[in-house]
Amino acid sequence: MLNELQVLKNTVSDQLPRHVGLIPDGNRRWARNHNVDIKIGHITGYKTLKDIIYSFFDAGIKYLTVYALSLENAIKRSKTELAYIYKIIIKAIDKIMSEDIVVEEQVRFRILGRLDLLPPEVKAKVDEMHEFTKNFNKNFVNILIMYDGQAEIADAVKKILKDDVDPEKVNRKVIKQYLYTKDTPEVDFIIRTGMEDGARISGFLLWDASYAEFKFRNEYWPEYSANLLVSDLKEYINRNRRKGG
């Protein structure tokens, strides 16, 4: 499968998305279907992400944004489940900082969202990762935690007001510079798993997704694979992106 990804990179790189968004939904439902604890669903979902995340770079995709924990989910989850998710986040960050590929591929990792809502030990680990990868500039991964697209826009407006920006000078470019994603281009392609009952993006990158293409899959996130990624990228290539034209 690595070869197929590299073939795409070498033959149709100009047609591939520059920035892909992932909404990895379905860990809990996968666990229920397999009659295992919800925690197993979360850790299996983490392993799926860990196994596939660098495949995007094999295909030449430079920017990846993953919706890991929404504000809504953080409110709805039990304290026990949320504590387990935080343990996975800490484990994932430790793994990122220990992998040679992160340095070799110059991958800058950032956690975006209302990070002040995180427990102190998680926030400290996030800060450690930000410091570790802050000078890497070849590939970029954003992990959205304590995130909501409307909250992101609201926070941007608050900062604009605080900076006393002239209302006549407020435009799309100005607003973009106040978003969490100010250093990331608009998203080209959004893939969501676990969509067996409709098609939603649940507040994912609302500002940056204005002209994104969407792929909704019935498969739960723990079932996603490099094979499905290749299939999704090929479908994207065959779409006619008019972007309002």
Protein backbone atom coordinates (compact mmCIF):
# COMPACT_ATOMS: atom_id res chain seq x y z
CA MET A 1 0.00 0.00 0.00
CA LEU A 2 2.94 2.28 0.62
CA ASN A 3 3.82 1.88 -3.06
CA GLU A 4 0.32 2.95 -4.12
CA LEU A 5 0.55 6.07 -2.01
CA GLN A 6 3.94 6.90 -3.46
CA VAL A 7 2.60 6.29 -6.98
CA LEU A 8 -0.12 8.85 -6.33
CA LYS A 9 2.51 11.28 -5.07
CA ASN A 10 4.76 10.72 -8.09
CA THR A 11 2.07 10.78 -10.77
CA VAL A 12 -0.78 13.08 -9.65
CA SER A 13 0.72 15.18 -6.87
CA ASP A 14 -0.79 18.35 -8.33
CA GLN A 15 -4.28 16.83 -8.04
CA LEU A 16 -4.02 15.60 -4.46
CA PRO A 17 -5.37 17.65 -1.55
CA ARG A 18 -2.87 19.87 0.19
CA HIS A 19 -4.75 19.70 3.49
CA VAL A 20 -6.85 16.74 4.64
CA GLY A 21 -9.21 16.79 7.60
CA LEU A 22 -10.05 13.60 9.50
CA ILE A 23 -13.10 13.08 11.68
CA PRO A 24 -12.35 9.62 13.12
CA ASP A 25 -15.79 8.69 14.41
CA GLY A 26 -17.08 5.36 15.68
CA ASN A 27 -14.67 4.10 18.36
CA ARG A 28 -17.47 3.59 20.91
CA ARG A 29 -19.86 1.95 18.44
CA TRP A 30 -17.07 -0.33 17.19
CA ALA A 31 -16.47 -1.43 20.78
CA ARG A 32 -20.16 -2.15 21.36
CA ASN A 33 -20.39 -4.15 18.13
CA HIS A 34 -17.41 -6.23 19.25
CA ASN A 35 -18.76 -6.64 22.81
CA VAL A 36 -15.70 -5.06 24.38
CA ASP A 37 -15.21 -2.20 26.81
CA ILE A 38 -15.45 1.35 25.44
CA LYS A 39 -11.83 1.84 26.50
CA ILE A 40 -10.80 -0.84 24.00
CA GLY A 41 -12.55 1.16 21.30
CA HIS A 42 -10.61 4.29 22.18
CA ILE A 43 -7.21 2.59 22.34
CA THR A 44 -7.91 0.72 19.08
CA GLY A 45 -8.87 4.01 17.45
CA TYR A 46 -5.62 5.53 18.68
CA LYS A 47 -3.63 2.63 17.22
CA THR A 48 -5.42 3.06 13.89
CA LEU A 49 -4.46 6.73 13.80
CA LYS A 50 -0.88 5.97 14.84
CA ASP A 51 -0.55 3.37 12.09
CA ILE A 52 -1.94 5.55 9.31
CA ILE A 53 -0.94 9.10 10.15
CA TYR A 54 2.36 9.06 8.26
CA SER A 55 0.73 7.49 5.21
CA PHE A 56 -0.59 10.94 4.36
CA PHE A 57 2.98 12.19 4.06
CA ASP A 58 3.86 9.19 1.89
CA ALA A 59 1.23 10.50 -0.52
CA GLY A 60 2.75 13.99 -0.40
CA ILE A 61 -0.01 15.56 1.70
CA LYS A 62 1.61 18.22 3.86
CA TYR A 63 -1.21 19.19 6.22
CA LEU A 64 -3.42 16.90 8.29
CA THR A 65 -5.98 17.97 10.87
CA VAL A 66 -7.59 15.36 13.14
CA TYR A 67 -10.73 15.93 15.22
CA ALA A 68 -9.81 14.11 18.42
CA LEU A 69 -12.07 15.53 21.14
CA SER A 70 -14.84 18.07 20.69
CA LEU A 71 -16.07 20.39 23.41
CA GLU A 72 -19.45 18.66 23.20
CA ASN A 73 -17.93 15.21 23.68
CA ALA A 74 -15.86 16.44 26.60
CA ILE A 75 -19.07 17.55 28.30
CA LYS A 76 -21.03 14.38 27.52
CA ARG A 77 -18.39 11.78 28.39
CA SER A 78 -18.20 10.36 31.90
CA LYS A 79 -15.30 11.41 34.10
CA THR A 80 -13.93 7.88 33.94
CA GLU A 81 -14.02 7.74 30.14
CA LEU A 82 -12.60 11.24 29.82
CA ALA A 83 -9.74 10.38 32.18
CA TYR A 84 -8.91 7.39 29.99
CA ILE A 85 -8.94 9.57 26.87
CA TYR A 86 -6.52 11.96 28.58
CA LYS A 87 -4.22 9.00 29.33
CA ILE A 88 -4.25 8.11 25.64
CA ILE A 89 -3.42 11.72 24.72
CA ILE A 90 -0.42 11.71 27.06
CA LYS A 91 0.68 8.33 25.69
CA ALA A 92 0.33 9.59 22.13
CA ILE A 93 2.41 12.70 22.84
CA ASP A 94 5.16 10.65 24.48
CA LYS A 95 5.17 8.40 21.40
CA ILE A 96 5.40 11.40 19.05
CA MET A 97 8.42 12.77 20.89
CA SER A 98 10.20 9.40 20.84
CA GLU A 99 9.77 8.56 17.15
CA ASP A 100 12.69 9.17 14.80
CA ILE A 101 10.31 9.75 11.88
CA VAL A 102 9.01 12.93 13.52
CA VAL A 103 12.48 14.44 13.36
CA GLU A 104 13.41 12.88 10.02
CA GLU A 105 10.21 14.12 8.33
CA GLN A 106 10.23 17.41 10.26
CA VAL A 107 6.64 16.99 11.45
CA ARG A 108 5.24 19.86 13.46
CA PHE A 109 2.48 18.69 15.79
CA ARG A 110 0.05 21.13 17.35
CA ILE A 111 -2.94 20.69 19.63
CA LEU A 112 -5.63 23.25 18.82
CA GLY A 113 -8.71 24.15 20.84
CA ARG A 114 -9.57 25.63 24.21
CA LEU A 115 -6.51 24.13 25.84
CA ASP A 116 -7.08 25.99 29.11
CA LEU A 117 -9.87 23.47 29.77
CA LEU A 118 -7.43 20.55 29.82
CA PRO A 119 -6.20 19.10 33.13
CA PRO A 120 -2.84 20.66 34.14
CA GLU A 121 -0.84 17.48 33.52
CA VAL A 122 -2.28 17.13 30.01
CA LYS A 123 -1.73 20.81 29.22
CA ALA A 124 1.90 20.53 30.40
CA LYS A 125 2.45 17.55 28.10
CA VAL A 126 0.89 19.46 25.18
CA ASP A 127 3.24 22.38 25.83
CA GLU A 128 6.18 19.98 25.89
CA MET A 129 5.25 18.59 22.48
CA HIS A 130 4.74 22.08 21.03
CA GLU A 131 8.21 23.06 22.18
CA PHE A 132 9.74 19.84 20.83
CA THR A 133 8.35 20.26 17.28
CA LYS A 134 8.04 24.05 17.01
CA ASN A 135 10.89 24.44 14.50
CA PHE A 136 9.86 21.56 12.22
CA ASN A 137 8.51 22.86 8.92
CA LYS A 138 8.13 20.07 6.37
CA ASN A 139 4.89 18.34 7.43
CA PHE A 140 2.15 19.53 9.75
CA VAL A 141 -0.37 17.73 11.97
CA ASN A 142 -3.07 19.52 13.93
CA ILE A 143 -4.94 17.60 16.63
CA LEU A 144 -8.21 19.25 17.66
CA ILE A 145 -8.92 18.80 21.36
CA MET A 146 -11.53 20.71 23.37
CA TYR A 147 -12.48 22.08 19.97
CA ASP A 148 -15.62 23.44 18.34
CA GLY A 149 -15.71 25.38 15.08
CA GLN A 150 -18.15 27.97 16.38
CA ALA A 151 -16.05 28.41 19.53
CA GLU A 152 -12.97 28.94 17.34
CA ILE A 153 -14.70 31.74 15.43
CA ALA A 154 -16.08 33.26 18.65
CA ASP A 155 -12.58 33.25 20.18
CA ALA A 156 -11.22 34.93 17.04
CA VAL A 157 -13.84 37.69 17.29
CA LYS A 158 -12.97 38.26 20.94
CA LYS A 159 -9.29 38.67 20.05
CA ILE A 160 -10.12 41.07 17.21
CA LEU A 161 -12.18 43.20 19.59
CA LYS A 162 -9.48 43.06 22.24
CA ASP A 163 -6.90 44.26 19.69
CA ASP A 164 -9.24 47.11 18.75
CA VAL A 165 -9.02 46.31 15.03
CA ASP A 166 -10.71 48.89 12.81
CA PRO A 167 -14.06 47.31 11.72
CA GLU A 168 -13.48 48.57 8.18
CA LYS A 169 -10.31 46.52 8.00
CA VAL A 170 -11.88 43.26 9.14
CA ASN A 171 -12.01 40.85 6.21
CA ARG A 172 -11.48 37.15 5.62
CA LYS A 173 -7.70 37.44 5.77
CA VAL A 174 -7.81 39.31 9.07
CA ILE A 175 -10.20 36.81 10.64
CA LYS A 176 -8.02 33.92 9.47
CA GLN A 177 -5.05 35.38 11.32
CA TYR A 178 -7.01 35.17 14.58
CA LEU A 179 -8.13 31.57 14.19
CA TYR A 180 -6.45 28.58 15.86
CA THR A 181 -5.56 27.48 12.32
CA LYS A 182 -3.91 30.73 11.27
CA ASP A 183 -0.79 28.88 10.08
CA THR A 184 -2.73 26.19 8.18
CA PRO A 185 -4.28 26.52 4.70
CA GLU A 186 -7.98 25.91 4.13
CA VAL A 187 -8.95 22.25 4.18
CA ASP A 188 -9.40 20.59 0.78
CA PHE A 189 -10.78 17.19 1.70
CA ILE A 190 -12.61 16.00 4.83
CA ILE A 191 -12.97 12.30 5.57
CA ARG A 192 -15.42 11.20 8.26
CA THR A 193 -15.90 7.62 9.37
CA GLY A 194 -18.79 6.09 11.29
CA MET A 195 -21.45 7.96 9.30
CA GLU A 196 -24.23 5.39 9.17
CA ASP A 197 -27.07 7.81 9.92
CA GLY A 198 -26.53 10.92 7.80
CA ALA A 199 -23.75 13.30 6.81
CA ARG A 200 -22.43 15.85 9.31
CA ILE A 201 -19.16 17.60 10.13
CA SER A 202 -20.08 18.44 13.74
CA GLY A 203 -18.38 21.83 13.90
CA PHE A 204 -15.15 20.70 12.24
CA LEU A 205 -13.07 23.59 10.83
CA LEU A 206 -16.17 25.62 9.95
CA TRP A 207 -14.21 28.59 8.63
CA ASP A 208 -11.62 26.59 6.70
CA ALA A 209 -14.07 24.09 5.19
CA SER A 210 -15.96 26.53 2.97
CA TYR A 211 -14.93 24.78 -0.26
CA ALA A 212 -13.87 21.39 1.06
CA GLU A 213 -14.85 18.13 -0.55
CA PHE A 214 -16.38 15.54 1.77
CA LYS A 215 -16.16 11.77 2.06
CA PHE A 216 -18.50 10.07 4.54
CA ARG A 217 -17.84 6.42 5.32
CA ASN A 218 -19.99 3.88 7.15
CA GLU A 219 -16.90 2.11 8.48
CA TYR A 220 -16.02 2.88 12.08
CA TRP A 221 -12.67 4.54 12.64
CA PRO A 222 -10.90 1.40 14.01
CA GLU A 223 -11.72 -0.21 10.64
CA TYR A 224 -10.06 2.51 8.56
CA SER A 225 -6.91 1.52 6.69
CA ALA A 226 -4.34 2.60 4.12
CA ASN A 227 -6.41 0.77 1.50
CA LEU A 228 -9.40 2.99 2.24
CA LEU A 229 -7.16 6.07 2.25
CA VAL A 230 -5.92 5.26 -1.26
CA SER A 231 -9.52 4.75 -2.39
CA ASP A 232 -10.58 8.08 -0.86
CA LEU A 233 -7.70 9.97 -2.45
CA LYS A 234 -8.46 8.48 -5.85
CA GLU A 235 -12.08 9.56 -5.49
CA TYR A 236 -10.95 13.08 -4.59
CA ILE A 237 -8.77 13.23 -7.71
CA ASN A 238 -11.76 12.37 -9.88
CA ARG A 239 -13.96 15.10 -8.47
CA ASN A 240 -14.45 18.44 -10.21
CA ARG A 241 -13.60 21.11 -7.67
CA ARG A 242 -15.13 24.34 -8.95
CA LYS A 243 -14.79 26.20 -5.65
CA GLY A 244 -17.71 28.49 -6.47
CA GLY A 245 -16.72 28.92 -10.10
